[in-house]
Amino acid sequence: MKVKKWHIFSGLVVFLMAASGLGLWRVYLYPKQNLFEKEKIAENFRSMESIFPSKPIAKSATPYKLRENIRELNVSYEFGDKNHQMSEMLDRTSTTGILVVKNDVIVYENYFRGNSANARNTSWSMAKSFISALVGIAIAEGKISSVNDPITKYVPELIDSGYNNVPIKHVLQMSSGVRFNEGYSNPKSDINQLMSKLFLHFRPMDRVIADFPSEYPSGKKFQYMSLDSHVLGLLLRRATGKSITDYFQEKLWQPLGAESDASWLTDLYGTEITFCGLNATLRDYAKFGLLYLHEGKLNGKQILSEQWVKESITPDRPDLQANATDAKEYAGFGYQYQWWIPPDTNGDFVAMGHRGQFIYVSPKHQVVIVKTSAAEKSLTSEIRLETIALFRAIADVVF
């Protein structure tokens, strides 16, 4: 089924279900509302295209296959004044896959809970870091003049929203000042109401943006909100004249040498939901980490500018720094252009997604680690910090 016809199909489905007595809830809404059901979550997280509409992304015509030197790995690490074992932590956090790359060689790869090397695991918010990369590419191509431009220069339909005259840089830094509640534990929060707006009330994602006014001046306060990342996707579509999947496939997926097809989830009108929604294999996620490890270059190609990579992972305001006083809500993680900076950083940085998705990059050790999970609940600050402790322990011992 082509995604551009999804909204027509949805109306037909509603009619047919009413006529046949199957029920809108059981056939259409149940899979979405029960996405995090304990017995199904692991399967759901690698089958998102069967639950939501999506667009395909073709693998590279010239795949880049990493060399392999697989070995056993079960490190111990210190956290909370206790010694922990990697195997226990992976099980406790409902890990579905972990991949470790050292010096561009895969040294460890393992899958759990029915997952496999060929499965397309959903990114959740790791997708935000990919969107940031596309913004950097659009700037290098002259499609966007500067991160200091107001976003409404390119997206004038946002003039009547909280994004009016907000610099692109502030949106990249999750500092737009727009009023949006990201509280995952609150069923009435803005983030949790999005699914109903998109798939029950059939609203286009681009129009949902207009629901949210400004709360405070932009650039003054870091406030993590997925809405900012969708606005960046809208910016890319307006500036490049291409869909996210087309631009992504041309500028990132093909040059990265992706070995497998991927996909991006959309609303009912074929618009990519750019604060999440990328589905890909762990090996291909690792290539994206390697791209940033090598300052924008991979497999002999300069895909991103070196300057963009450095700018993206270097917080440039006091409140964005790792260990900043105002960062306590975020477990001491710092932030810059859709990338997180762990506390007590030694130069490492990480893309993180809901319920335990990670792309961790350690330039000091030349290590990239990808971890996907199917956690039953949102990760606590302690678990995020403990995961970084595990990654650092792995980076210390692999050779």
Protein backbone atom coordinates (compact mmCIF):
# COMPACT_ATOMS: atom_id res chain seq x y z
CA MET A 1 0.00 0.00 0.00
CA LYS A 2 1.41 3.39 -0.95
CA VAL A 3 1.49 5.76 1.98
CA LYS A 4 0.11 8.71 0.02
CA LYS A 5 -3.14 6.77 -0.24
CA TRP A 6 -3.22 5.87 3.46
CA HIS A 7 -5.78 8.51 4.46
CA ILE A 8 -8.17 7.32 1.75
CA PHE A 9 -7.61 3.75 2.85
CA SER A 10 -8.23 4.70 6.50
CA GLY A 11 -11.65 6.09 5.71
CA LEU A 12 -12.49 2.96 3.76
CA VAL A 13 -11.30 0.79 6.66
CA VAL A 14 -13.60 2.63 9.10
CA PHE A 15 -16.56 2.14 6.78
CA LEU A 16 -15.85 -1.53 6.19
CA MET A 17 -15.33 -2.24 9.88
CA ALA A 18 -18.60 -0.58 10.78
CA ALA A 19 -20.36 -2.59 8.09
CA SER A 20 -18.77 -5.89 9.10
CA GLY A 21 -19.04 -5.43 12.85
CA LEU A 22 -15.30 -5.93 13.45
CA GLY A 23 -15.04 -2.70 15.44
CA LEU A 24 -12.75 0.29 14.95
CA TRP A 25 -11.00 -0.36 18.25
CA ARG A 26 -9.99 -3.98 17.72
CA VAL A 27 -8.78 -3.72 14.14
CA TYR A 28 -7.40 -0.21 13.82
CA LEU A 29 -6.69 1.34 17.20
CA TYR A 30 -5.81 -1.68 19.33
CA PRO A 31 -2.32 -2.27 17.85
CA LYS A 32 -1.43 1.41 18.39
CA GLN A 33 -2.89 1.76 21.86
CA ASN A 34 -1.21 -1.48 22.96
CA LEU A 35 2.19 -0.72 21.48
CA PHE A 36 3.85 -1.16 24.89
CA GLU A 37 2.02 -4.27 26.00
CA LYS A 38 4.46 -6.44 27.95
CA GLU A 39 4.15 -9.58 25.85
CA LYS A 40 4.27 -7.76 22.52
CA ILE A 41 6.61 -4.81 22.95
CA ALA A 42 9.78 -6.50 21.63
CA GLU A 43 8.00 -7.73 18.50
CA ASN A 44 6.25 -4.37 18.04
CA PHE A 45 9.53 -2.43 18.18
CA ARG A 46 10.86 -4.38 15.18
CA SER A 47 7.53 -4.41 13.32
CA MET A 48 6.49 -0.77 13.41
CA GLU A 49 5.72 -0.69 9.68
CA SER A 50 2.88 -3.16 10.30
CA ILE A 51 1.37 -0.88 12.96
CA PHE A 52 1.84 2.59 11.46
CA PRO A 53 2.02 3.91 7.89
CA SER A 54 5.58 4.34 6.64
CA LYS A 55 7.75 5.19 3.68
CA PRO A 56 10.52 2.89 2.40
CA ILE A 57 14.20 3.87 2.25
CA ALA A 58 16.32 1.86 -0.17
CA LYS A 59 19.63 0.35 0.89
CA SER A 60 22.81 1.60 -0.73
CA ALA A 61 23.65 0.56 -4.26
CA THR A 62 27.22 0.10 -2.99
CA PRO A 63 26.92 -1.31 0.55
CA TYR A 64 29.74 -0.69 3.02
CA LYS A 65 30.26 -3.88 5.01
CA LEU A 66 32.25 -3.53 8.20
CA ARG A 67 34.95 -6.07 8.90
CA GLU A 68 34.32 -8.52 11.74
CA ASN A 69 36.44 -9.93 14.53
CA ILE A 70 33.77 -11.26 16.88
CA ARG A 71 34.74 -12.27 20.39
CA GLU A 72 33.14 -12.97 23.75
CA LEU A 73 32.35 -9.95 25.88
CA ASN A 74 30.94 -9.84 29.39
CA VAL A 75 32.54 -6.94 31.16
CA SER A 76 31.96 -5.80 34.72
CA TYR A 77 31.52 -2.16 35.64
CA GLU A 78 31.07 0.06 38.67
CA PHE A 79 27.87 1.99 39.24
CA GLY A 80 26.26 3.19 42.44
CA ASP A 81 29.19 1.90 44.52
CA LYS A 82 28.47 -1.63 43.31
CA ASN A 83 29.98 -3.99 40.79
CA HIS A 84 27.66 -5.09 37.99
CA GLN A 85 27.86 -7.61 35.16
CA MET A 86 27.09 -6.68 31.57
CA SER A 87 24.93 -9.77 30.97
CA GLU A 88 22.73 -9.01 33.97
CA MET A 89 22.30 -5.39 32.94
CA LEU A 90 21.37 -6.31 29.37
CA ASP A 91 18.68 -8.64 30.66
CA ARG A 92 17.41 -6.19 33.27
CA THR A 93 16.98 -3.43 30.68
CA SER A 94 15.15 -5.67 28.18
CA THR A 95 17.89 -5.39 25.59
CA THR A 96 16.97 -6.67 22.12
CA GLY A 97 20.34 -6.10 20.47
CA ILE A 98 23.84 -4.80 21.11
CA LEU A 99 26.62 -4.14 18.61
CA VAL A 100 30.14 -2.94 19.41
CA VAL A 101 32.48 -1.49 16.77
CA LYS A 102 36.15 -0.81 17.53
CA ASN A 103 38.41 0.82 14.93
CA ASP A 104 35.71 0.21 12.29
CA VAL A 105 35.61 -3.53 13.06
CA ILE A 106 32.61 -5.29 14.60
CA VAL A 107 33.97 -6.98 17.71
CA TYR A 108 30.71 -7.97 19.42
CA GLU A 109 27.15 -8.54 18.23
CA ASN A 110 24.29 -10.22 20.04
CA TYR A 111 20.49 -10.30 19.80
CA PHE A 112 17.76 -11.19 22.28
CA ARG A 113 13.97 -11.49 22.60
CA GLY A 114 13.51 -12.76 19.05
CA ASN A 115 15.52 -9.96 17.46
CA SER A 116 18.06 -10.54 14.66
CA ALA A 117 20.71 -8.78 12.60
CA ASN A 118 18.23 -8.36 9.74
CA ALA A 119 15.39 -6.87 11.79
CA ARG A 120 14.55 -3.19 11.46
CA ASN A 121 14.55 -1.85 14.99
CA THR A 122 12.70 1.38 15.64
CA SER A 123 14.81 4.36 16.61
CA TRP A 124 12.40 6.39 18.68
CA SER A 125 14.25 9.64 19.43
CA MET A 126 17.58 8.51 18.00
CA ALA A 127 15.98 9.73 14.75
CA LYS A 128 16.45 13.29 16.01
CA SER A 129 20.22 13.00 15.55
CA PHE A 130 19.73 11.90 11.93
CA ILE A 131 17.50 14.93 11.32
CA SER A 132 20.24 17.15 12.75
CA ALA A 133 22.68 15.65 10.25
CA LEU A 134 20.31 16.45 7.39
CA VAL A 135 20.09 20.06 8.57
CA GLY A 136 23.90 20.23 8.43
CA ILE A 137 23.88 18.84 4.90
CA ALA A 138 21.22 21.34 3.79
CA ILE A 139 23.36 24.17 5.16
CA ALA A 140 26.45 22.86 3.34
CA GLU A 141 24.44 22.77 0.12
CA GLY A 142 23.20 26.32 0.58
CA LYS A 143 19.58 25.25 0.96
CA ILE A 144 19.63 26.85 4.42
CA SER A 145 21.78 29.95 4.84
CA SER A 146 22.53 29.78 8.54
CA VAL A 147 21.40 28.26 11.85
CA ASN A 148 20.87 31.85 12.96
CA ASP A 149 18.08 32.39 10.42
CA PRO A 150 14.58 32.47 11.87
CA ILE A 151 12.81 29.24 11.03
CA THR A 152 9.86 31.20 9.67
CA LYS A 153 12.09 32.46 6.86
CA TYR A 154 11.72 28.97 5.38
CA VAL A 155 8.42 27.92 6.98
CA PRO A 156 6.16 31.00 6.89
CA GLU A 157 3.12 28.97 7.91
CA LEU A 158 4.58 28.93 11.44
CA ILE A 159 4.30 32.71 11.83
CA ASP A 160 1.13 32.37 13.90
CA SER A 161 2.64 29.67 16.14
CA GLY A 162 5.14 29.75 18.99
CA TYR A 163 7.92 29.31 16.42
CA ASN A 164 7.57 32.76 14.90
CA ASN A 165 11.06 34.28 14.47
CA VAL A 166 12.73 31.53 16.51
CA PRO A 167 16.28 30.92 15.20
CA ILE A 168 16.92 27.48 13.74
CA LYS A 169 19.78 27.08 16.22
CA HIS A 170 17.41 27.35 19.18
CA VAL A 171 15.19 24.67 17.70
CA LEU A 172 18.23 22.41 17.22
CA GLN A 173 19.12 23.00 20.87
CA MET A 174 15.61 22.22 22.17
CA SER A 175 15.37 25.83 23.32
CA SER A 176 12.51 27.11 21.16
CA GLY A 177 10.53 28.38 24.17
CA VAL A 178 7.37 26.75 22.82
CA ARG A 179 4.94 25.37 25.40
CA PHE A 180 4.93 21.58 25.06
CA ASN A 181 4.77 18.90 27.75
CA GLU A 182 7.03 15.88 27.11
CA GLY A 183 5.98 14.01 30.25
CA TYR A 184 5.75 10.35 29.23
CA SER A 185 4.26 9.25 32.56
CA ASN A 186 1.36 11.71 32.24
CA PRO A 187 -1.34 10.29 29.92
CA LYS A 188 -2.63 13.83 29.30
CA SER A 189 0.76 15.27 28.33
CA ASP A 190 1.19 16.75 24.86
CA ILE A 191 3.50 13.97 23.72
CA ASN A 192 1.04 11.27 24.79
CA GLN A 193 -1.89 13.05 23.15
CA LEU A 194 -0.15 13.18 19.78
CA MET A 195 -1.12 9.63 18.82
CA SER A 196 -4.82 10.39 19.31
CA LYS A 197 -4.53 13.59 17.29
CA LEU A 198 -2.79 11.83 14.42
CA PHE A 199 -4.50 8.45 14.26
CA LEU A 200 -7.89 8.92 15.93
CA HIS A 201 -8.74 12.46 14.90
CA PHE A 202 -6.89 12.13 11.56
CA ARG A 203 -5.01 15.42 11.94
CA PRO A 204 -1.90 16.13 9.81
CA MET A 205 1.25 16.41 11.92
CA ASP A 206 2.20 19.72 10.31
CA ARG A 207 -1.05 21.29 11.52
CA VAL A 208 -0.65 19.99 15.05
CA ILE A 209 2.38 22.27 15.40
CA ALA A 210 0.11 25.32 15.33
CA ASP A 211 -1.56 24.17 18.57
CA PHE A 212 1.40 25.28 20.67
CA PRO A 213 2.17 28.92 21.55
CA SER A 214 5.34 30.42 22.93
CA GLU A 215 5.91 30.07 26.67
CA TYR A 216 9.16 32.02 27.09
CA PRO A 217 11.81 33.66 24.86
CA SER A 218 13.79 31.20 22.76
CA GLY A 219 17.43 30.46 23.52
CA LYS A 220 17.05 31.00 27.25
CA LYS A 221 16.21 27.56 28.56
CA PHE A 222 16.78 23.96 27.52
CA GLN A 223 13.46 22.12 27.50
CA TYR A 224 13.47 18.79 25.71
CA MET A 225 10.48 18.56 23.39
CA SER A 226 9.88 16.32 20.41
CA LEU A 227 7.86 19.02 18.69
CA ASP A 228 11.09 20.92 17.94
CA SER A 229 12.42 17.95 16.01
CA HIS A 230 9.32 17.68 13.86
CA VAL A 231 9.63 21.39 13.07
CA LEU A 232 13.19 20.70 11.88
CA GLY A 233 11.77 18.08 9.53
CA LEU A 234 9.29 20.62 8.19
CA LEU A 235 12.17 23.06 7.72
CA LEU A 236 14.07 20.46 5.68
CA ARG A 237 11.09 19.72 3.47
CA ARG A 238 10.52 23.40 2.74
CA ALA A 239 14.21 24.26 2.22
CA THR A 240 15.06 21.28 0.01
CA GLY A 241 11.74 20.76 -1.76
CA LYS A 242 12.03 17.03 -1.03
CA SER A 243 10.42 14.62 1.37
CA ILE A 244 12.47 13.53 4.37
CA THR A 245 12.80 9.98 3.06
CA ASP A 246 13.97 11.13 -0.37
CA TYR A 247 16.52 13.56 1.06
CA PHE A 248 17.62 11.06 3.71
CA GLN A 249 18.08 8.28 1.17
CA GLU A 250 20.07 10.48 -1.20
CA LYS A 251 22.23 12.38 1.27
CA LEU A 252 22.75 9.88 4.12
CA TRP A 253 21.56 6.32 3.55
CA GLN A 254 23.20 5.83 0.16
CA PRO A 255 26.53 7.55 1.02
CA LEU A 256 26.72 5.68 4.35
CA GLY A 257 26.67 2.41 2.42
CA ALA A 258 23.59 1.12 4.23
CA GLU A 259 23.39 -2.66 3.85
CA SER A 260 19.64 -2.94 4.43
CA ASP A 261 16.46 -1.15 3.49
CA ALA A 262 15.01 1.12 6.15
CA SER A 263 11.74 2.97 6.62
CA TRP A 264 10.32 6.08 8.24
CA LEU A 265 6.93 6.22 9.97
CA THR A 266 4.46 8.85 8.81
CA ASP A 267 1.14 10.38 9.73
CA LEU A 268 -1.95 9.41 7.72
CA TYR A 269 -1.02 11.92 5.01
CA GLY A 270 2.44 10.61 4.19
CA THR A 271 4.39 13.17 6.25
CA GLU A 272 7.35 11.71 8.10
CA ILE A 273 7.17 12.04 11.87
CA THR A 274 10.69 13.31 12.36
CA PHE A 275 10.96 13.26 16.15
CA CYS A 276 11.03 9.46 15.89
CA GLY A 277 10.08 6.81 13.36
CA LEU A 278 13.26 5.61 11.67
CA ASN A 279 13.47 1.81 11.44
CA ALA A 280 16.83 0.21 10.61
CA THR A 281 19.26 -2.57 11.49
CA LEU A 282 21.86 -2.19 14.21
CA ARG A 283 24.68 -2.44 11.68
CA ASP A 284 23.34 0.51 9.74
CA TYR A 285 22.74 2.52 12.91
CA ALA A 286 26.39 1.85 13.74
CA LYS A 287 27.50 3.40 10.45
CA PHE A 288 25.82 6.63 11.45
CA GLY A 289 27.75 6.58 14.73
CA LEU A 290 30.96 5.96 12.77
CA LEU A 291 30.18 8.95 10.56
CA TYR A 292 30.29 11.19 13.64
CA LEU A 293 33.25 9.33 15.10
CA HIS A 294 35.20 10.18 11.93
CA GLU A 295 34.10 13.83 11.88
CA GLY A 296 31.70 13.48 8.97
CA LYS A 297 33.71 11.09 6.82
CA LEU A 298 32.99 7.41 6.18
CA ASN A 299 34.12 4.89 3.62
CA GLY A 300 36.22 7.47 1.81
CA LYS A 301 33.42 10.06 1.55
CA GLN A 302 33.02 13.38 3.36
CA ILE A 303 29.26 13.16 3.94
CA LEU A 304 28.97 15.81 6.65
CA SER A 305 31.22 18.79 7.16
CA GLU A 306 33.76 18.38 9.94
CA GLN A 307 32.66 21.74 11.32
CA TRP A 308 29.03 20.62 11.58
CA VAL A 309 29.96 17.49 13.51
CA LYS A 310 32.04 19.46 15.99
CA GLU A 311 29.37 22.13 16.37
CA SER A 312 26.67 19.50 16.87
CA ILE A 313 28.31 17.85 19.87
CA THR A 314 29.78 20.92 21.61
CA PRO A 315 27.28 22.67 23.90
CA ASP A 316 27.79 26.42 23.67
CA ARG A 317 25.58 27.72 26.50
CA PRO A 318 26.05 27.18 30.24
CA ASP A 319 22.64 25.52 30.63
CA LEU A 320 23.44 23.03 27.84
CA GLN A 321 26.66 21.77 29.39
CA ALA A 322 26.92 18.29 30.89
CA ASN A 323 26.67 18.46 34.70
CA ALA A 324 25.04 21.90 34.48
CA THR A 325 22.94 22.79 37.52
CA ASP A 326 19.83 23.20 35.35
CA ALA A 327 20.42 19.77 33.80
CA LYS A 328 19.42 17.79 36.92
CA GLU A 329 16.08 16.96 35.36
CA TYR A 330 18.01 15.24 32.59
CA ALA A 331 20.39 13.23 34.82
CA GLY A 332 23.21 15.66 34.20
CA PHE A 333 23.30 15.06 30.44
CA GLY A 334 24.20 18.05 28.31
CA TYR A 335 22.74 18.79 24.89
CA GLN A 336 23.54 20.50 21.62
CA TYR A 337 22.16 19.82 18.12
CA GLN A 338 19.90 16.84 18.86
CA TRP A 339 22.77 14.95 20.54
CA TRP A 340 23.22 14.23 24.27
CA ILE A 341 26.51 14.75 26.12
CA PRO A 342 26.92 12.39 29.11
CA PRO A 343 27.97 13.70 32.53
CA ASP A 344 31.73 13.75 33.16
CA THR A 345 32.26 13.39 29.44
CA ASN A 346 35.63 12.38 28.08
CA GLY A 347 34.55 13.49 24.63
CA ASP A 348 31.85 10.83 24.28
CA PHE A 349 28.32 11.62 23.11
CA VAL A 350 25.15 9.68 22.45
CA ALA A 351 21.86 9.54 20.56
CA MET A 352 19.10 8.27 22.83
CA GLY A 353 15.61 6.98 22.14
CA HIS A 354 12.54 6.12 24.21
CA ARG A 355 12.68 2.91 26.25
CA GLY A 356 16.34 2.17 25.77
CA GLN A 357 17.65 2.93 22.28
CA PHE A 358 21.26 4.17 22.09
CA ILE A 359 23.99 5.06 19.59
CA TYR A 360 27.04 5.76 21.73
CA VAL A 361 30.23 7.30 20.28
CA SER A 362 33.61 7.40 22.03
CA PRO A 363 36.25 9.20 19.94
CA LYS A 364 38.85 8.59 22.67
CA HIS A 365 38.53 4.81 22.26
CA GLN A 366 37.42 4.78 18.61
CA VAL A 367 34.32 2.87 19.67
CA VAL A 368 30.69 2.96 18.59
CA ILE A 369 28.03 0.98 20.49
CA VAL A 370 24.44 0.46 19.39
CA LYS A 371 21.92 -0.87 21.91
CA THR A 372 18.24 -1.43 21.22
CA SER A 373 15.74 -2.35 23.91
CA ALA A 374 12.08 -3.04 24.61
CA ALA A 375 11.81 -1.66 28.12
CA GLU A 376 8.37 -1.91 29.68
CA LYS A 377 8.63 1.63 31.06
CA SER A 378 10.44 4.86 30.21
CA LEU A 379 14.04 4.73 31.38
CA THR A 380 14.80 6.39 34.68
CA SER A 381 17.69 8.81 35.02
CA GLU A 382 19.59 6.13 36.94
CA ILE A 383 19.24 3.57 34.14
CA ARG A 384 20.42 6.06 31.51
CA LEU A 385 23.46 6.85 33.62
CA GLU A 386 24.12 3.17 34.28
CA THR A 387 23.93 2.44 30.56
CA ILE A 388 26.62 5.04 29.92
CA ALA A 389 28.72 3.42 32.67
CA LEU A 390 28.39 0.08 30.86
CA PHE A 391 29.31 1.62 27.52
CA ARG A 392 32.38 3.28 29.00
CA ALA A 393 33.46 0.00 30.56
CA ILE A 394 33.10 -1.74 27.19
CA ALA A 395 35.06 1.00 25.44
CA ASP A 396 37.84 0.63 28.03
CA VAL A 397 38.35 -3.10 27.45
CA VAL A 398 37.71 -3.81 23.75
CA PHE A 399 40.80 -3.89 21.58
